[in-house]
């Protein structure tokens, strides 16, 4: 069920409530099952990177609010590099970091972001400043819900790193081609929202394969 506002469908209070309750309960359940994996990954990453094994970064959340996302660190620190795009072959990625990325173990700490209400399991991916916070007009509907760990745009662009690595100017390609398409996909996700669709995206994230969209 959705309601219409300014020619865009926003999630109803009922759907927002169901989504919130599901996120909290499922995040608590997943943390209870995976806390030991997160702990081991943090210890291993701390040794390999010789720093805190958790990676913290400011991202844009619901209503444009800035929050700090937490992940397992998979790259060596390099303070003079400020590029948000990371290709699979980046030499800064550690050996165990490659494994964490392929298995999505590096994403597990985001369960905490979900549990404290900063993120959802499904939604637009939280990006760094300069993207979602600069949306205009009806595109700002993307900021009406919490960002997600997974979602249709993330699944459709699951090989985004390889695509960008093949471009002469990956930042320009991302800004001109990929980002606008993600905005379109995420708008459609919100405008046609259903709880069962969320379950479908979570399932496809776990089992893999192409997404029907």
N, C-alpha and C. Protein backbone atom coordinates (compact mmCIF):
# COMPACT_ATOMS: atom_id res chain seq x y z
N UNK A 1 0.84 -1.19 0.00
CA UNK A 1 0.00 0.00 0.00
C UNK A 1 0.88 1.24 0.00
N UNK A 2 0.60 2.18 -0.88
CA UNK A 2 1.37 3.42 -0.94
C UNK A 2 0.43 4.60 -1.04
N UNK A 3 0.93 5.77 -0.69
CA UNK A 3 0.15 6.98 -0.82
C UNK A 3 0.82 7.89 -1.82
N UNK A 4 0.02 8.72 -2.47
CA UNK A 4 0.55 9.59 -3.52
C UNK A 4 0.86 10.98 -2.96
N UNK A 5 2.01 11.51 -3.34
CA UNK A 5 2.40 12.84 -2.89
C UNK A 5 3.28 13.48 -3.94
N UNK A 6 2.80 14.62 -4.51
CA UNK A 6 3.56 15.31 -5.56
C UNK A 6 3.93 14.38 -6.71
N UNK A 7 2.94 13.57 -7.11
CA UNK A 7 3.10 12.65 -8.24
C UNK A 7 4.13 11.56 -7.97
N UNK A 8 4.57 11.41 -6.72
CA UNK A 8 5.50 10.33 -6.36
C UNK A 8 4.89 9.53 -5.23
N UNK A 9 5.06 8.22 -5.27
CA UNK A 9 4.51 7.37 -4.22
C UNK A 9 5.51 7.23 -3.10
N UNK A 10 5.09 7.60 -1.90
CA UNK A 10 5.93 7.43 -0.73
C UNK A 10 5.38 6.29 0.12
N UNK A 11 6.25 5.71 0.94
CA UNK A 11 5.80 4.62 1.78
C UNK A 11 4.80 5.13 2.81
N UNK A 12 3.73 4.38 3.02
CA UNK A 12 2.74 4.75 4.02
C UNK A 12 3.33 4.54 5.41
N UNK A 13 2.69 5.12 6.42
CA UNK A 13 3.15 4.95 7.80
C UNK A 13 3.13 3.47 8.19
N UNK A 14 2.14 2.75 7.68
CA UNK A 14 2.03 1.32 7.97
C UNK A 14 3.22 0.57 7.42
N UNK A 15 3.57 0.85 6.16
CA UNK A 15 4.72 0.16 5.55
C UNK A 15 6.03 0.55 6.22
N UNK A 16 6.16 1.81 6.61
CA UNK A 16 7.36 2.25 7.30
C UNK A 16 7.50 1.55 8.64
N UNK A 17 6.38 1.36 9.33
CA UNK A 17 6.40 0.67 10.63
C UNK A 17 6.78 -0.79 10.46
N UNK A 18 6.17 -1.46 9.47
CA UNK A 18 6.49 -2.87 9.22
C UNK A 18 7.96 -3.03 8.86
N UNK A 19 8.45 -2.12 8.04
CA UNK A 19 9.84 -2.16 7.62
C UNK A 19 10.79 -1.97 8.81
N UNK A 20 10.44 -1.03 9.70
CA UNK A 20 11.26 -0.76 10.87
C UNK A 20 11.30 -1.96 11.83
N UNK A 21 10.13 -2.54 12.09
CA UNK A 21 10.05 -3.69 13.00
C UNK A 21 10.84 -4.87 12.43
N UNK A 22 10.68 -5.12 11.14
CA UNK A 22 11.42 -6.21 10.51
C UNK A 22 12.92 -5.97 10.61
N UNK A 23 13.35 -4.74 10.33
CA UNK A 23 14.77 -4.42 10.38
C UNK A 23 15.37 -4.69 11.76
N UNK A 24 14.69 -4.22 12.80
CA UNK A 24 15.21 -4.37 14.16
C UNK A 24 15.27 -5.84 14.57
N UNK A 25 14.18 -6.58 14.34
CA UNK A 25 14.14 -7.98 14.74
C UNK A 25 15.13 -8.83 13.96
N UNK A 26 15.19 -8.61 12.63
CA UNK A 26 16.07 -9.42 11.80
C UNK A 26 17.54 -9.06 12.04
N UNK A 27 17.82 -7.78 12.29
CA UNK A 27 19.19 -7.35 12.58
C UNK A 27 19.67 -7.97 13.90
N UNK A 28 18.80 -7.98 14.90
CA UNK A 28 19.15 -8.59 16.19
C UNK A 28 19.43 -10.08 16.02
N UNK A 29 18.58 -10.74 15.23
CA UNK A 29 18.75 -12.17 14.97
C UNK A 29 20.06 -12.44 14.23
N UNK A 30 20.35 -11.65 13.21
CA UNK A 30 21.56 -11.85 12.42
C UNK A 30 22.82 -11.56 13.24
N UNK A 31 22.76 -10.52 14.09
CA UNK A 31 23.91 -10.22 14.95
C UNK A 31 24.16 -11.34 15.94
N UNK A 32 23.09 -11.94 16.45
CA UNK A 32 23.23 -13.06 17.39
C UNK A 32 23.91 -14.25 16.72
N UNK A 33 23.71 -14.39 15.41
CA UNK A 33 24.30 -15.51 14.68
C UNK A 33 25.71 -15.21 14.18
N UNK A 34 26.01 -13.97 13.90
CA UNK A 34 27.25 -13.65 13.19
C UNK A 34 28.26 -12.82 14.00
N UNK A 35 27.96 -12.52 15.27
CA UNK A 35 28.86 -11.66 16.04
C UNK A 35 30.27 -12.23 16.09
N UNK A 36 30.38 -13.56 16.16
CA UNK A 36 31.70 -14.17 16.26
C UNK A 36 32.47 -14.05 14.94
N UNK A 37 31.74 -14.05 13.82
CA UNK A 37 32.39 -13.84 12.52
C UNK A 37 32.92 -12.41 12.43
N UNK A 38 32.10 -11.47 12.89
CA UNK A 38 32.52 -10.07 12.89
C UNK A 38 33.74 -9.87 13.76
N UNK A 39 33.76 -10.51 14.93
CA UNK A 39 34.89 -10.40 15.86
C UNK A 39 36.17 -10.95 15.24
N UNK A 40 36.09 -12.14 14.64
CA UNK A 40 37.27 -12.74 14.01
C UNK A 40 37.75 -11.88 12.84
N UNK A 41 36.79 -11.39 12.03
CA UNK A 41 37.15 -10.56 10.88
C UNK A 41 37.83 -9.27 11.34
N UNK A 42 37.33 -8.69 12.44
CA UNK A 42 37.94 -7.46 12.97
C UNK A 42 39.37 -7.71 13.44
N UNK A 43 39.58 -8.83 14.13
CA UNK A 43 40.93 -9.16 14.63
C UNK A 43 41.89 -9.38 13.46
N UNK A 44 41.46 -10.17 12.48
CA UNK A 44 42.31 -10.45 11.32
C UNK A 44 42.62 -9.17 10.55
N UNK A 45 41.59 -8.35 10.34
CA UNK A 45 41.80 -7.10 9.61
C UNK A 45 42.71 -6.15 10.37
N UNK A 46 42.59 -6.13 11.68
CA UNK A 46 43.43 -5.26 12.50
C UNK A 46 44.90 -5.65 12.36
N UNK A 47 45.17 -6.95 12.34
CA UNK A 47 46.55 -7.42 12.17
C UNK A 47 47.07 -7.10 10.77
N UNK A 48 46.24 -7.34 9.76
CA UNK A 48 46.72 -7.17 8.39
C UNK A 48 46.89 -5.71 8.00
N UNK A 49 46.01 -4.85 8.49
CA UNK A 49 46.11 -3.42 8.15
C UNK A 49 46.92 -2.64 9.18
N UNK A 50 47.24 -3.31 10.30
CA UNK A 50 47.98 -2.66 11.39
C UNK A 50 47.27 -1.41 11.88
N UNK A 51 45.97 -1.54 11.98
CA UNK A 51 45.12 -0.43 12.46
C UNK A 51 43.81 -1.04 12.95
N UNK A 52 42.90 -0.18 13.38
CA UNK A 52 41.58 -0.65 13.79
C UNK A 52 40.92 -1.39 12.63
N UNK A 53 40.49 -2.63 12.85
CA UNK A 53 39.91 -3.44 11.79
C UNK A 53 38.53 -2.99 11.35
N UNK A 54 37.95 -2.02 12.04
CA UNK A 54 36.67 -1.46 11.61
C UNK A 54 36.94 -0.21 10.76
N UNK A 55 36.14 -0.07 9.71
CA UNK A 55 36.22 1.09 8.82
C UNK A 55 35.00 1.95 9.04
N UNK A 56 35.23 3.21 9.34
CA UNK A 56 34.13 4.15 9.58
C UNK A 56 34.16 5.24 8.51
N UNK A 57 33.00 5.58 7.99
CA UNK A 57 32.93 6.63 6.98
C UNK A 57 31.59 7.34 7.06
N UNK A 58 31.61 8.65 6.89
CA UNK A 58 30.38 9.42 6.92
C UNK A 58 29.60 9.21 5.63
N UNK A 59 28.32 8.91 5.78
CA UNK A 59 27.44 8.70 4.63
C UNK A 59 26.16 9.51 4.81
N UNK A 60 25.44 9.70 3.71
CA UNK A 60 24.19 10.44 3.72
C UNK A 60 23.03 9.49 3.97
N UNK A 61 22.25 9.78 5.00
CA UNK A 61 21.14 8.91 5.37
C UNK A 61 19.79 9.53 5.09
N UNK A 62 18.78 9.04 5.79
CA UNK A 62 17.41 9.50 5.60
C UNK A 62 17.32 11.01 5.88
N UNK A 63 16.57 11.71 5.04
CA UNK A 63 16.37 13.16 5.12
C UNK A 63 17.69 13.93 5.02
N UNK A 64 18.70 13.29 4.43
CA UNK A 64 19.97 13.96 4.24
C UNK A 64 20.85 14.01 5.47
N UNK A 65 20.45 13.32 6.53
CA UNK A 65 21.24 13.32 7.75
C UNK A 65 22.51 12.50 7.56
N UNK A 66 23.60 13.01 8.10
CA UNK A 66 24.88 12.32 8.00
C UNK A 66 25.02 11.33 9.15
N UNK A 67 25.43 10.11 8.85
CA UNK A 67 25.69 9.12 9.88
C UNK A 67 27.00 8.41 9.54
N UNK A 68 27.51 7.64 10.46
CA UNK A 68 28.79 6.95 10.27
C UNK A 68 28.55 5.47 10.02
N UNK A 69 28.83 5.04 8.80
CA UNK A 69 28.67 3.63 8.46
C UNK A 69 29.88 2.85 8.99
N UNK A 70 29.65 1.61 9.39
CA UNK A 70 30.75 0.78 9.91
C UNK A 70 30.85 -0.50 9.10
N UNK A 71 32.07 -0.83 8.68
CA UNK A 71 32.35 -2.03 7.91
C UNK A 71 33.66 -2.62 8.40
N UNK A 72 33.97 -3.83 7.97
CA UNK A 72 35.29 -4.40 8.22
C UNK A 72 36.27 -3.76 7.25
N UNK A 73 37.40 -3.30 7.74
CA UNK A 73 38.38 -2.64 6.89
C UNK A 73 39.00 -3.65 5.94
N UNK A 74 39.00 -3.35 4.66
CA UNK A 74 39.57 -4.25 3.65
C UNK A 74 40.72 -3.62 2.87
N UNK A 75 41.04 -2.37 3.22
CA UNK A 75 42.09 -1.66 2.50
C UNK A 75 43.08 -1.05 3.47
N UNK A 76 44.31 -0.92 3.03
CA UNK A 76 45.32 -0.24 3.83
C UNK A 76 45.05 1.26 3.81
N UNK A 77 45.35 1.91 4.92
CA UNK A 77 45.13 3.35 5.02
C UNK A 77 46.06 4.10 4.07
N UNK A 78 45.49 5.11 3.42
CA UNK A 78 46.28 5.98 2.55
C UNK A 78 45.60 7.35 2.58
N UNK A 79 46.09 8.22 3.46
CA UNK A 79 45.39 9.46 3.76
C UNK A 79 45.41 10.47 2.62
N UNK A 80 46.29 10.31 1.65
CA UNK A 80 46.35 11.27 0.55
C UNK A 80 45.48 10.88 -0.63
N UNK A 81 44.68 9.81 -0.45
CA UNK A 81 43.75 9.39 -1.50
C UNK A 81 42.33 9.63 -1.03
N UNK A 82 41.54 10.35 -1.82
CA UNK A 82 40.17 10.68 -1.44
C UNK A 82 39.21 10.32 -2.56
N UNK A 83 39.32 9.08 -3.03
CA UNK A 83 38.49 8.60 -4.13
C UNK A 83 37.51 7.57 -3.59
N UNK A 84 36.20 7.83 -3.75
CA UNK A 84 35.18 6.94 -3.21
C UNK A 84 34.95 5.72 -4.08
N UNK A 85 35.57 5.69 -5.27
CA UNK A 85 35.40 4.56 -6.18
C UNK A 85 36.58 3.61 -6.03
N UNK A 86 36.28 2.34 -5.75
CA UNK A 86 37.32 1.34 -5.55
C UNK A 86 37.14 0.20 -6.54
N UNK A 87 38.12 -0.01 -7.40
CA UNK A 87 38.06 -1.09 -8.37
C UNK A 87 38.55 -2.38 -7.73
N UNK A 88 38.12 -3.56 -8.23
CA UNK A 88 38.50 -4.83 -7.65
C UNK A 88 40.01 -5.06 -7.59
N UNK A 89 40.75 -4.50 -8.53
CA UNK A 89 42.19 -4.74 -8.59
C UNK A 89 43.01 -3.72 -7.85
N UNK A 90 42.38 -2.87 -7.04
CA UNK A 90 43.09 -1.84 -6.29
C UNK A 90 44.15 -2.47 -5.40
N UNK A 91 45.38 -2.00 -5.52
CA UNK A 91 46.50 -2.59 -4.77
C UNK A 91 46.41 -2.33 -3.28
N UNK A 92 45.56 -1.39 -2.86
CA UNK A 92 45.39 -1.12 -1.44
C UNK A 92 44.55 -2.19 -0.75
N UNK A 93 43.79 -2.96 -1.51
CA UNK A 93 42.95 -4.00 -0.92
C UNK A 93 43.85 -5.13 -0.41
N UNK A 94 43.68 -5.51 0.83
CA UNK A 94 44.50 -6.56 1.43
C UNK A 94 44.07 -7.94 0.93
N UNK A 95 44.92 -8.93 1.16
CA UNK A 95 44.59 -10.30 0.72
C UNK A 95 43.32 -10.80 1.39
N UNK A 96 43.25 -10.65 2.70
CA UNK A 96 42.05 -11.10 3.39
C UNK A 96 40.88 -10.18 3.07
N UNK A 97 41.20 -8.92 2.72
CA UNK A 97 40.16 -7.97 2.34
C UNK A 97 39.43 -8.41 1.09
N UNK A 98 40.16 -8.98 0.14
CA UNK A 98 39.54 -9.52 -1.07
C UNK A 98 38.52 -10.59 -0.72
N UNK A 99 38.89 -11.46 0.22
CA UNK A 99 38.00 -12.53 0.65
C UNK A 99 36.77 -11.95 1.34
N UNK A 100 36.99 -10.98 2.22
CA UNK A 100 35.87 -10.35 2.93
C UNK A 100 34.90 -9.69 1.96
N UNK A 101 35.44 -9.06 0.91
CA UNK A 101 34.58 -8.39 -0.07
C UNK A 101 33.77 -9.40 -0.88
N UNK A 102 34.43 -10.48 -1.31
CA UNK A 102 33.74 -11.48 -2.12
C UNK A 102 32.63 -12.18 -1.34
N UNK A 103 32.87 -12.42 -0.05
CA UNK A 103 31.89 -13.12 0.79
C UNK A 103 30.92 -12.18 1.49
N UNK A 104 31.15 -10.86 1.33
CA UNK A 104 30.32 -9.82 1.95
C UNK A 104 30.47 -9.79 3.47
N UNK A 105 31.50 -10.43 4.00
CA UNK A 105 31.74 -10.38 5.44
C UNK A 105 32.02 -8.95 5.89
N UNK A 106 32.64 -8.16 5.01
CA UNK A 106 32.95 -6.77 5.37
C UNK A 106 31.69 -5.94 5.61
N UNK A 107 30.55 -6.41 5.11
CA UNK A 107 29.29 -5.67 5.26
C UNK A 107 28.57 -5.99 6.58
N UNK A 108 28.96 -7.07 7.26
CA UNK A 108 28.23 -7.53 8.44
C UNK A 108 28.10 -6.49 9.55
N UNK A 109 29.14 -5.67 9.83
CA UNK A 109 28.97 -4.68 10.90
C UNK A 109 27.85 -3.68 10.67
N UNK A 110 27.37 -3.58 9.43
CA UNK A 110 26.26 -2.68 9.16
C UNK A 110 24.97 -3.14 9.83
N UNK A 111 24.97 -4.36 10.33
CA UNK A 111 23.83 -4.82 11.12
C UNK A 111 23.63 -3.91 12.32
N UNK A 112 24.74 -3.36 12.84
CA UNK A 112 24.64 -2.41 13.95
C UNK A 112 23.97 -1.13 13.48
N UNK A 113 24.34 -0.65 12.29
CA UNK A 113 23.69 0.55 11.75
C UNK A 113 22.19 0.35 11.61
N UNK A 114 21.80 -0.88 11.25
CA UNK A 114 20.37 -1.19 11.12
C UNK A 114 19.71 -1.21 12.49
N UNK A 115 20.37 -1.87 13.44
CA UNK A 115 19.81 -2.04 14.77
C UNK A 115 19.56 -0.70 15.47
N UNK A 116 20.43 0.28 15.24
CA UNK A 116 20.27 1.59 15.90
C UNK A 116 19.42 2.55 15.08
N UNK A 117 18.88 2.07 13.96
CA UNK A 117 17.93 2.86 13.18
C UNK A 117 18.51 3.78 12.13
N UNK A 118 19.78 3.61 11.78
CA UNK A 118 20.40 4.47 10.76
C UNK A 118 20.24 3.91 9.37
N UNK A 119 20.07 2.59 9.25
CA UNK A 119 19.94 1.94 7.96
C UNK A 119 18.82 0.92 7.98
N UNK A 120 18.52 0.40 6.81
CA UNK A 120 17.53 -0.67 6.64
C UNK A 120 18.22 -1.81 5.90
N UNK A 121 17.60 -2.97 5.90
CA UNK A 121 18.17 -4.07 5.12
C UNK A 121 18.08 -3.75 3.63
N UNK A 122 16.97 -3.17 3.22
CA UNK A 122 16.76 -2.88 1.80
C UNK A 122 16.47 -1.40 1.62
N UNK A 123 17.14 -0.80 0.64
CA UNK A 123 16.94 0.61 0.36
C UNK A 123 18.05 1.13 -0.53
N UNK A 124 18.03 2.39 -0.88
CA UNK A 124 19.11 2.98 -1.68
C UNK A 124 20.42 2.90 -0.91
N UNK A 125 21.50 2.58 -1.59
CA UNK A 125 22.79 2.47 -0.92
C UNK A 125 23.22 3.84 -0.39
N UNK A 126 23.66 3.92 0.88
CA UNK A 126 24.11 5.21 1.42
C UNK A 126 25.42 5.64 0.76
N UNK A 127 25.42 6.82 0.18
CA UNK A 127 26.60 7.28 -0.54
C UNK A 127 27.30 8.38 0.23
N UNK A 128 28.49 8.72 -0.20
CA UNK A 128 29.23 9.82 0.40
C UNK A 128 28.57 11.14 0.00
N UNK A 129 28.90 12.20 0.70
CA UNK A 129 28.34 13.51 0.37
C UNK A 129 28.67 13.90 -1.06
N UNK A 130 27.73 14.61 -1.68
CA UNK A 130 27.93 15.05 -3.05
C UNK A 130 27.03 14.34 -4.04
N UNK A 131 26.21 13.41 -3.54
CA UNK A 131 25.31 12.67 -4.43
C UNK A 131 23.86 12.80 -3.94
N UNK A 132 23.43 11.91 -3.03
CA UNK A 132 22.05 11.94 -2.58
C UNK A 132 21.68 13.28 -1.95
N UNK A 133 22.63 13.90 -1.28
CA UNK A 133 22.34 15.17 -0.61
C UNK A 133 22.18 16.32 -1.60
N UNK A 134 22.47 16.08 -2.88
CA UNK A 134 22.32 17.12 -3.90
C UNK A 134 21.17 16.83 -4.86
N UNK A 135 20.36 15.85 -4.54
CA UNK A 135 19.20 15.53 -5.39
C UNK A 135 18.21 16.69 -5.40
N UNK A 136 17.55 16.85 -6.53
CA UNK A 136 16.60 17.94 -6.69
C UNK A 136 15.21 17.40 -7.07
N UNK A 137 14.19 18.22 -6.79
CA UNK A 137 12.84 17.89 -7.22
C UNK A 137 12.33 16.56 -6.70
N UNK A 138 11.64 15.82 -7.56
CA UNK A 138 11.02 14.56 -7.16
C UNK A 138 12.05 13.47 -6.86
N UNK A 139 13.30 13.65 -7.30
CA UNK A 139 14.34 12.66 -7.00
C UNK A 139 14.65 12.61 -5.51
N UNK A 140 14.29 13.67 -4.77
CA UNK A 140 14.57 13.71 -3.34
C UNK A 140 13.74 12.70 -2.56
N UNK A 141 12.82 12.02 -3.26
CA UNK A 141 12.05 10.96 -2.61
C UNK A 141 12.97 9.86 -2.07
N UNK A 142 14.15 9.74 -2.67
CA UNK A 142 15.12 8.72 -2.23
C UNK A 142 15.53 8.96 -0.79
N UNK A 143 15.51 10.21 -0.34
CA UNK A 143 15.89 10.53 1.03
C UNK A 143 14.74 10.34 2.01
N UNK A 144 13.59 9.87 1.53
CA UNK A 144 12.42 9.70 2.40
C UNK A 144 12.47 8.39 3.18
N UNK A 145 13.40 7.50 2.81
CA UNK A 145 13.54 6.23 3.54
C UNK A 145 15.00 6.04 3.95
N UNK A 146 15.22 5.11 4.86
CA UNK A 146 16.59 4.83 5.31
C UNK A 146 17.37 4.14 4.19
N UNK A 147 18.64 4.41 4.09
CA UNK A 147 19.47 3.72 3.10
C UNK A 147 19.60 2.25 3.48
N UNK A 148 19.89 1.40 2.49
CA UNK A 148 19.91 -0.03 2.73
C UNK A 148 21.25 -0.70 2.49
N UNK A 149 21.40 -1.87 3.10
CA UNK A 149 22.58 -2.71 2.86
C UNK A 149 22.51 -3.28 1.45
N UNK A 150 21.30 -3.63 1.03
CA UNK A 150 21.09 -4.14 -0.32
C UNK A 150 19.86 -3.48 -0.92
N UNK A 151 19.60 -3.78 -2.17
CA UNK A 151 18.47 -3.19 -2.86
C UNK A 151 18.58 -3.45 -4.35
N UNK A 152 17.58 -3.06 -5.12
CA UNK A 152 17.60 -3.35 -6.56
C UNK A 152 18.79 -2.73 -7.28
N UNK A 153 19.13 -1.49 -6.94
CA UNK A 153 20.25 -0.83 -7.62
C UNK A 153 21.57 -1.53 -7.31
N UNK A 154 21.76 -1.93 -6.04
CA UNK A 154 22.99 -2.63 -5.67
C UNK A 154 23.11 -3.98 -6.37
N UNK A 155 21.98 -4.67 -6.49
CA UNK A 155 21.99 -5.99 -7.12
C UNK A 155 22.19 -5.90 -8.63
N UNK A 156 21.55 -4.92 -9.24
CA UNK A 156 21.70 -4.74 -10.69
C UNK A 156 23.13 -4.33 -11.03
N UNK A 157 23.74 -3.51 -10.17
CA UNK A 157 25.11 -3.05 -10.38
C UNK A 157 26.10 -3.79 -9.47
N UNK A 158 25.88 -5.09 -9.27
CA UNK A 158 26.76 -5.86 -8.39
C UNK A 158 28.18 -5.95 -8.95
N UNK A 159 28.35 -5.76 -10.25
CA UNK A 159 29.68 -5.77 -10.87
C UNK A 159 30.14 -4.36 -11.20
N UNK A 160 29.65 -3.40 -10.46
CA UNK A 160 29.96 -2.00 -10.72
C UNK A 160 31.46 -1.73 -10.71
N UNK A 161 32.18 -2.34 -9.75
CA UNK A 161 33.62 -2.12 -9.66
C UNK A 161 34.36 -2.50 -10.92
N UNK A 162 33.99 -3.63 -11.50
CA UNK A 162 34.64 -4.09 -12.74
C UNK A 162 34.29 -3.17 -13.92
N UNK A 163 33.03 -2.72 -13.95
CA UNK A 163 32.60 -1.82 -15.02
C UNK A 163 33.39 -0.52 -14.95
N UNK A 164 33.51 0.04 -13.75
CA UNK A 164 34.23 1.30 -13.59
C UNK A 164 35.71 1.14 -13.89
N UNK A 165 36.27 -0.02 -13.53
CA UNK A 165 37.70 -0.26 -13.76
C UNK A 165 38.03 -0.27 -15.25
N UNK A 166 37.04 -0.57 -16.09
CA UNK A 166 37.28 -0.64 -17.53
C UNK A 166 37.14 0.72 -18.22
N UNK A 167 36.75 1.75 -17.46
CA UNK A 167 36.54 3.07 -18.04
C UNK A 167 37.79 3.93 -17.94
N UNK A 168 38.00 4.78 -18.92
CA UNK A 168 39.13 5.71 -18.88
C UNK A 168 38.97 6.74 -17.77
N UNK A 169 37.74 7.15 -17.52
CA UNK A 169 37.44 8.10 -16.45
C UNK A 169 36.30 7.53 -15.61
N UNK A 170 36.63 6.65 -14.64
CA UNK A 170 35.58 5.98 -13.85
C UNK A 170 34.69 6.93 -13.06
N UNK A 171 35.25 8.02 -12.55
CA UNK A 171 34.44 8.95 -11.77
C UNK A 171 33.39 9.62 -12.66
N UNK A 172 33.80 10.05 -13.85
CA UNK A 172 32.87 10.68 -14.79
C UNK A 172 31.80 9.68 -15.23
N UNK A 173 32.19 8.44 -15.50
CA UNK A 173 31.23 7.41 -15.93
C UNK A 173 30.23 7.14 -14.81
N UNK A 174 30.71 7.10 -13.59
CA UNK A 174 29.82 6.88 -12.45
C UNK A 174 28.83 8.05 -12.31
N UNK A 175 29.35 9.27 -12.39
CA UNK A 175 28.51 10.45 -12.17
C UNK A 175 27.50 10.68 -13.30
N UNK A 176 27.87 10.34 -14.54
CA UNK A 176 27.01 10.62 -15.69
C UNK A 176 26.11 9.45 -16.10
N UNK A 177 26.56 8.23 -15.84
CA UNK A 177 25.81 7.06 -16.31
C UNK A 177 25.21 6.24 -15.15
N UNK A 178 26.08 5.75 -14.27
CA UNK A 178 25.62 4.83 -13.23
C UNK A 178 24.75 5.52 -12.17
N UNK A 179 25.23 6.63 -11.63
CA UNK A 179 24.48 7.30 -10.57
C UNK A 179 23.08 7.71 -11.01
N UNK A 180 22.88 8.35 -12.17
CA UNK A 180 21.52 8.69 -12.59
C UNK A 180 20.62 7.46 -12.75
N UNK A 181 21.20 6.36 -13.22
CA UNK A 181 20.40 5.14 -13.38
C UNK A 181 20.02 4.56 -12.02
N UNK A 182 20.92 4.65 -11.05
CA UNK A 182 20.61 4.19 -9.70
C UNK A 182 19.47 5.03 -9.10
N UNK A 183 19.49 6.32 -9.37
CA UNK A 183 18.42 7.20 -8.89
C UNK A 183 17.09 6.75 -9.46
N UNK A 184 17.08 6.45 -10.76
CA UNK A 184 15.85 5.98 -11.41
C UNK A 184 15.37 4.67 -10.80
N UNK A 185 16.29 3.74 -10.58
CA UNK A 185 15.93 2.43 -10.02
C UNK A 185 15.40 2.58 -8.60
N UNK A 186 16.07 3.41 -7.80
CA UNK A 186 15.65 3.58 -6.40
C UNK A 186 14.32 4.31 -6.29
N UNK A 187 14.07 5.25 -7.20
CA UNK A 187 12.77 5.92 -7.22
C UNK A 187 11.67 4.91 -7.50
N UNK A 188 11.91 4.05 -8.47
CA UNK A 188 10.91 3.05 -8.84
C UNK A 188 10.67 2.07 -7.68
N UNK A 189 11.76 1.73 -6.97
CA UNK A 189 11.63 0.84 -5.81
C UNK A 189 10.70 1.45 -4.76
N UNK A 190 10.88 2.74 -4.47
CA UNK A 190 10.06 3.40 -3.45
C UNK A 190 8.62 3.58 -3.93
N UNK A 191 8.46 3.97 -5.18
CA UNK A 191 7.13 4.22 -5.73
C UNK A 191 6.29 2.95 -5.85
N UNK A 192 6.95 1.80 -5.93
CA UNK A 192 6.24 0.52 -6.08
C UNK A 192 6.56 -0.42 -4.92
N UNK A 193 6.77 0.15 -3.74
CA UNK A 193 7.24 -0.63 -2.60
C UNK A 193 6.25 -1.72 -2.16
N UNK A 194 6.83 -2.86 -1.75
CA UNK A 194 6.07 -3.90 -1.06
C UNK A 194 7.03 -4.65 -0.15
N UNK A 195 6.54 -5.12 0.98
CA UNK A 195 7.36 -5.86 1.93
C UNK A 195 7.91 -7.15 1.31
N UNK A 196 7.09 -7.81 0.50
CA UNK A 196 7.52 -9.05 -0.13
C UNK A 196 8.64 -8.80 -1.15
N UNK A 197 8.63 -7.62 -1.74
CA UNK A 197 9.70 -7.25 -2.65
C UNK A 197 11.02 -7.11 -1.87
N UNK A 198 10.94 -6.54 -0.67
CA UNK A 198 12.13 -6.46 0.20
C UNK A 198 12.68 -7.85 0.48
N UNK A 199 11.79 -8.77 0.81
CA UNK A 199 12.21 -10.15 1.09
C UNK A 199 12.88 -10.77 -0.12
N UNK A 200 12.36 -10.45 -1.30
CA UNK A 200 12.94 -10.96 -2.54
C UNK A 200 14.36 -10.45 -2.72
N UNK A 201 14.59 -9.16 -2.48
CA UNK A 201 15.93 -8.59 -2.66
C UNK A 201 16.92 -9.15 -1.63
N UNK A 202 16.45 -9.38 -0.42
CA UNK A 202 17.31 -9.99 0.60
C UNK A 202 17.69 -11.41 0.16
N UNK A 203 16.71 -12.15 -0.34
CA UNK A 203 16.97 -13.53 -0.79
C UNK A 203 17.95 -13.56 -1.95
N UNK A 204 17.79 -12.67 -2.91
CA UNK A 204 18.70 -12.63 -4.06
C UNK A 204 20.10 -12.19 -3.66
N UNK A 205 20.20 -11.38 -2.62
CA UNK A 205 21.51 -10.99 -2.10
C UNK A 205 22.24 -12.20 -1.54
N UNK A 206 21.49 -13.08 -0.89
CA UNK A 206 22.08 -14.27 -0.26
C UNK A 206 22.43 -15.34 -1.29
N UNK A 207 21.50 -15.63 -2.19
CA UNK A 207 21.69 -16.75 -3.13
C UNK A 207 22.35 -16.34 -4.44
N UNK A 208 22.31 -15.04 -4.75
CA UNK A 208 22.90 -14.58 -6.00
C UNK A 208 21.96 -14.74 -7.18
N UNK A 209 22.49 -14.50 -8.36
CA UNK A 209 21.68 -14.61 -9.58
C UNK A 209 21.13 -13.26 -10.02
N UNK A 210 20.56 -13.24 -11.23
CA UNK A 210 20.01 -12.00 -11.77
C UNK A 210 18.72 -11.62 -11.07
N UNK A 211 18.45 -10.32 -11.06
CA UNK A 211 17.30 -9.78 -10.38
C UNK A 211 16.21 -9.42 -11.39
N UNK A 212 14.97 -9.82 -11.08
CA UNK A 212 13.83 -9.42 -11.90
C UNK A 212 13.40 -8.06 -11.41
N UNK A 213 13.40 -7.08 -12.32
CA UNK A 213 13.07 -5.72 -11.90
C UNK A 213 12.23 -5.04 -12.98
